[in-house]
Amino acid sequence: MRDQNAGQALIEYLFIFALFSSLALGVAKGVGTYSNDVFKSFAFMLTQELSTGYCNSNGCWHNAYENGVK
């Protein structure tokens, strides 16, 4: 009976490894997509604020704009 079950543990470990590998790949893909979206939105916001200016109650980043509006 021992000889019939000799490879069962190896097969189970391979299935467990495949499961964890697929989960890790899915998480890595999700993190990559999320970080890509975050950096794109950050770059867009930074570009918009530096090219058109940004004003709040403390003042503006740019005193005068290209179109002359203050």
N, C-alpha and C. Protein backbone atom coordinates (compact mmCIF):
# COMPACT_ATOMS: atom_id res chain seq x y z
N MET A 1 0.82 -1.19 0.00
CA MET A 1 0.00 0.00 0.00
C MET A 1 0.87 1.25 0.00
N ARG A 2 2.00 1.21 0.62
CA ARG A 2 2.88 2.38 0.67
C ARG A 2 3.39 2.75 -0.71
N ASP A 3 3.64 1.82 -1.57
CA ASP A 3 4.15 2.09 -2.90
C ASP A 3 3.11 2.78 -3.78
N GLN A 4 1.84 2.56 -3.54
CA GLN A 4 0.80 3.18 -4.37
C GLN A 4 0.64 4.68 -4.07
N ASN A 5 0.97 5.11 -2.87
CA ASN A 5 0.80 6.50 -2.47
C ASN A 5 2.12 7.27 -2.47
N ALA A 6 3.15 6.75 -3.08
CA ALA A 6 4.48 7.35 -2.99
C ALA A 6 4.53 8.73 -3.64
N GLY A 7 3.84 9.00 -4.72
CA GLY A 7 3.90 10.28 -5.41
C GLY A 7 2.78 11.23 -5.06
N GLN A 8 1.89 10.84 -4.18
CA GLN A 8 0.73 11.67 -3.87
C GLN A 8 1.14 13.00 -3.22
N ALA A 9 2.06 12.99 -2.30
CA ALA A 9 2.49 14.22 -1.63
C ALA A 9 3.13 15.18 -2.62
N LEU A 10 3.92 14.65 -3.55
CA LEU A 10 4.55 15.50 -4.55
C LEU A 10 3.50 16.19 -5.42
N ILE A 11 2.51 15.46 -5.84
CA ILE A 11 1.43 16.02 -6.65
C ILE A 11 0.66 17.08 -5.86
N GLU A 12 0.38 16.84 -4.59
CA GLU A 12 -0.33 17.82 -3.77
C GLU A 12 0.50 19.09 -3.61
N TYR A 13 1.79 18.94 -3.39
CA TYR A 13 2.66 20.11 -3.27
C TYR A 13 2.70 20.91 -4.58
N LEU A 14 2.69 20.23 -5.70
CA LEU A 14 2.67 20.92 -6.99
C LEU A 14 1.38 21.71 -7.18
N PHE A 15 0.26 21.13 -6.77
CA PHE A 15 -1.02 21.84 -6.85
C PHE A 15 -1.03 23.07 -5.94
N ILE A 16 -0.52 22.92 -4.73
CA ILE A 16 -0.46 24.05 -3.80
C ILE A 16 0.46 25.14 -4.34
N PHE A 17 1.61 24.75 -4.90
CA PHE A 17 2.54 25.71 -5.48
C PHE A 17 1.89 26.44 -6.66
N ALA A 18 1.16 25.72 -7.48
CA ALA A 18 0.49 26.35 -8.63
C ALA A 18 -0.57 27.34 -8.16
N LEU A 19 -1.31 26.99 -7.11
CA LEU A 19 -2.33 27.89 -6.57
C LEU A 19 -1.70 29.18 -6.05
N PHE A 20 -0.66 29.05 -5.22
CA PHE A 20 -0.01 30.24 -4.68
C PHE A 20 0.67 31.06 -5.77
N SER A 21 1.20 30.41 -6.77
CA SER A 21 1.83 31.14 -7.88
C SER A 21 0.81 31.96 -8.65
N SER A 22 -0.35 31.37 -8.91
CA SER A 22 -1.38 32.12 -9.64
C SER A 22 -1.91 33.28 -8.79
N LEU A 23 -2.04 33.09 -7.49
CA LEU A 23 -2.47 34.18 -6.62
C LEU A 23 -1.42 35.29 -6.59
N ALA A 24 -0.15 34.94 -6.50
CA ALA A 24 0.91 35.93 -6.47
C ALA A 24 0.97 36.71 -7.78
N LEU A 25 0.79 36.05 -8.89
CA LEU A 25 0.79 36.74 -10.18
C LEU A 25 -0.39 37.70 -10.29
N GLY A 26 -1.55 37.29 -9.80
CA GLY A 26 -2.71 38.16 -9.82
C GLY A 26 -2.52 39.39 -8.95
N VAL A 27 -1.94 39.20 -7.78
CA VAL A 27 -1.68 40.34 -6.89
C VAL A 27 -0.65 41.27 -7.51
N ALA A 28 0.41 40.71 -8.09
CA ALA A 28 1.45 41.53 -8.72
C ALA A 28 0.87 42.34 -9.89
N LYS A 29 0.00 41.72 -10.66
CA LYS A 29 -0.62 42.42 -11.78
C LYS A 29 -1.52 43.55 -11.27
N GLY A 30 -2.28 43.29 -10.22
CA GLY A 30 -3.14 44.31 -9.64
C GLY A 30 -2.36 45.48 -9.07
N VAL A 31 -1.28 45.20 -8.38
CA VAL A 31 -0.44 46.26 -7.82
C VAL A 31 0.20 47.07 -8.94
N GLY A 32 0.64 46.41 -10.00
CA GLY A 32 1.22 47.12 -11.13
C GLY A 32 0.24 48.03 -11.81
N THR A 33 -0.97 47.56 -12.00
CA THR A 33 -2.01 48.38 -12.63
C THR A 33 -2.37 49.58 -11.74
N TYR A 34 -2.50 49.33 -10.44
CA TYR A 34 -2.83 50.40 -9.50
C TYR A 34 -1.74 51.47 -9.47
N SER A 35 -0.48 51.04 -9.36
CA SER A 35 0.60 52.02 -9.29
C SER A 35 0.74 52.78 -10.60
N ASN A 36 0.49 52.13 -11.72
CA ASN A 36 0.53 52.81 -13.01
C ASN A 36 -0.54 53.90 -13.07
N ASP A 37 -1.74 53.59 -12.61
CA ASP A 37 -2.81 54.59 -12.60
C ASP A 37 -2.49 55.75 -11.66
N VAL A 38 -1.92 55.45 -10.50
CA VAL A 38 -1.58 56.50 -9.54
C VAL A 38 -0.52 57.43 -10.12
N PHE A 39 0.51 56.88 -10.74
CA PHE A 39 1.56 57.72 -11.30
C PHE A 39 1.07 58.53 -12.48
N LYS A 40 0.18 57.95 -13.29
CA LYS A 40 -0.38 58.72 -14.41
C LYS A 40 -1.21 59.89 -13.91
N SER A 41 -2.05 59.67 -12.91
CA SER A 41 -2.88 60.76 -12.41
C SER A 41 -2.02 61.81 -11.70
N PHE A 42 -0.99 61.37 -10.98
CA PHE A 42 -0.09 62.32 -10.32
C PHE A 42 0.65 63.17 -11.35
N ALA A 43 1.14 62.55 -12.39
CA ALA A 43 1.85 63.29 -13.44
C ALA A 43 0.91 64.27 -14.15
N PHE A 44 -0.32 63.85 -14.39
CA PHE A 44 -1.29 64.75 -15.03
C PHE A 44 -1.58 65.95 -14.15
N MET A 45 -1.84 65.70 -12.86
CA MET A 45 -2.14 66.81 -11.95
C MET A 45 -0.95 67.75 -11.82
N LEU A 46 0.24 67.20 -11.71
CA LEU A 46 1.42 68.04 -11.58
C LEU A 46 1.63 68.88 -12.83
N THR A 47 1.43 68.29 -13.99
CA THR A 47 1.57 69.03 -15.24
C THR A 47 0.54 70.13 -15.34
N GLN A 48 -0.70 69.86 -14.99
CA GLN A 48 -1.75 70.86 -15.08
C GLN A 48 -1.50 72.01 -14.11
N GLU A 49 -1.10 71.70 -12.88
CA GLU A 49 -0.90 72.75 -11.89
C GLU A 49 0.32 73.60 -12.21
N LEU A 50 1.36 73.00 -12.77
CA LEU A 50 2.55 73.79 -13.08
C LEU A 50 2.39 74.60 -14.36
N SER A 51 1.54 74.15 -15.28
CA SER A 51 1.38 74.90 -16.53
C SER A 51 0.28 75.95 -16.45
N THR A 52 -0.75 75.73 -15.64
CA THR A 52 -1.84 76.71 -15.55
C THR A 52 -1.85 77.45 -14.23
N GLY A 53 -1.08 77.02 -13.27
CA GLY A 53 -1.04 77.66 -11.97
C GLY A 53 -2.01 77.05 -11.00
N TYR A 54 -1.78 77.32 -9.74
CA TYR A 54 -2.63 76.79 -8.69
C TYR A 54 -2.76 77.84 -7.61
N CYS A 55 -3.98 78.21 -7.27
CA CYS A 55 -4.20 79.22 -6.23
C CYS A 55 -5.06 78.64 -5.12
N ASN A 56 -4.73 79.03 -3.90
CA ASN A 56 -5.55 78.69 -2.74
C ASN A 56 -5.59 79.91 -1.83
N SER A 57 -6.03 79.77 -0.60
CA SER A 57 -6.17 80.92 0.30
C SER A 57 -4.83 81.54 0.68
N ASN A 58 -3.74 80.79 0.55
CA ASN A 58 -2.42 81.32 0.90
C ASN A 58 -1.74 82.05 -0.25
N GLY A 59 -2.24 81.94 -1.44
CA GLY A 59 -1.63 82.60 -2.58
C GLY A 59 -1.59 81.68 -3.78
N CYS A 60 -0.85 82.11 -4.80
CA CYS A 60 -0.75 81.36 -6.04
C CYS A 60 0.68 80.88 -6.27
N TRP A 61 0.80 79.82 -7.01
CA TRP A 61 2.13 79.34 -7.40
C TRP A 61 2.74 80.27 -8.42
N HIS A 62 1.91 80.83 -9.31
CA HIS A 62 2.37 81.74 -10.35
C HIS A 62 1.66 83.07 -10.14
N ASN A 63 2.40 84.15 -10.20
CA ASN A 63 1.77 85.47 -10.02
C ASN A 63 1.04 85.90 -11.28
N ALA A 64 1.61 85.64 -12.43
CA ALA A 64 0.96 86.03 -13.68
C ALA A 64 1.00 84.86 -14.65
N TYR A 65 -0.05 84.68 -15.42
CA TYR A 65 -0.13 83.60 -16.40
C TYR A 65 0.17 84.14 -17.78
N GLU A 66 0.33 83.24 -18.70
CA GLU A 66 0.65 83.64 -20.07
C GLU A 66 -0.45 84.50 -20.69
N ASN A 67 -1.69 84.25 -20.34
CA ASN A 67 -2.79 85.01 -20.92
C ASN A 67 -3.06 86.32 -20.18
N GLY A 68 -2.26 86.62 -19.16
CA GLY A 68 -2.37 87.88 -18.45
C GLY A 68 -3.36 87.88 -17.30
N VAL A 69 -4.04 86.78 -17.05
CA VAL A 69 -5.01 86.70 -15.97
C VAL A 69 -4.26 86.47 -14.67
N LYS A 70 -4.64 87.23 -13.64
CA LYS A 70 -3.98 87.06 -12.34
C LYS A 70 -4.87 86.29 -11.40
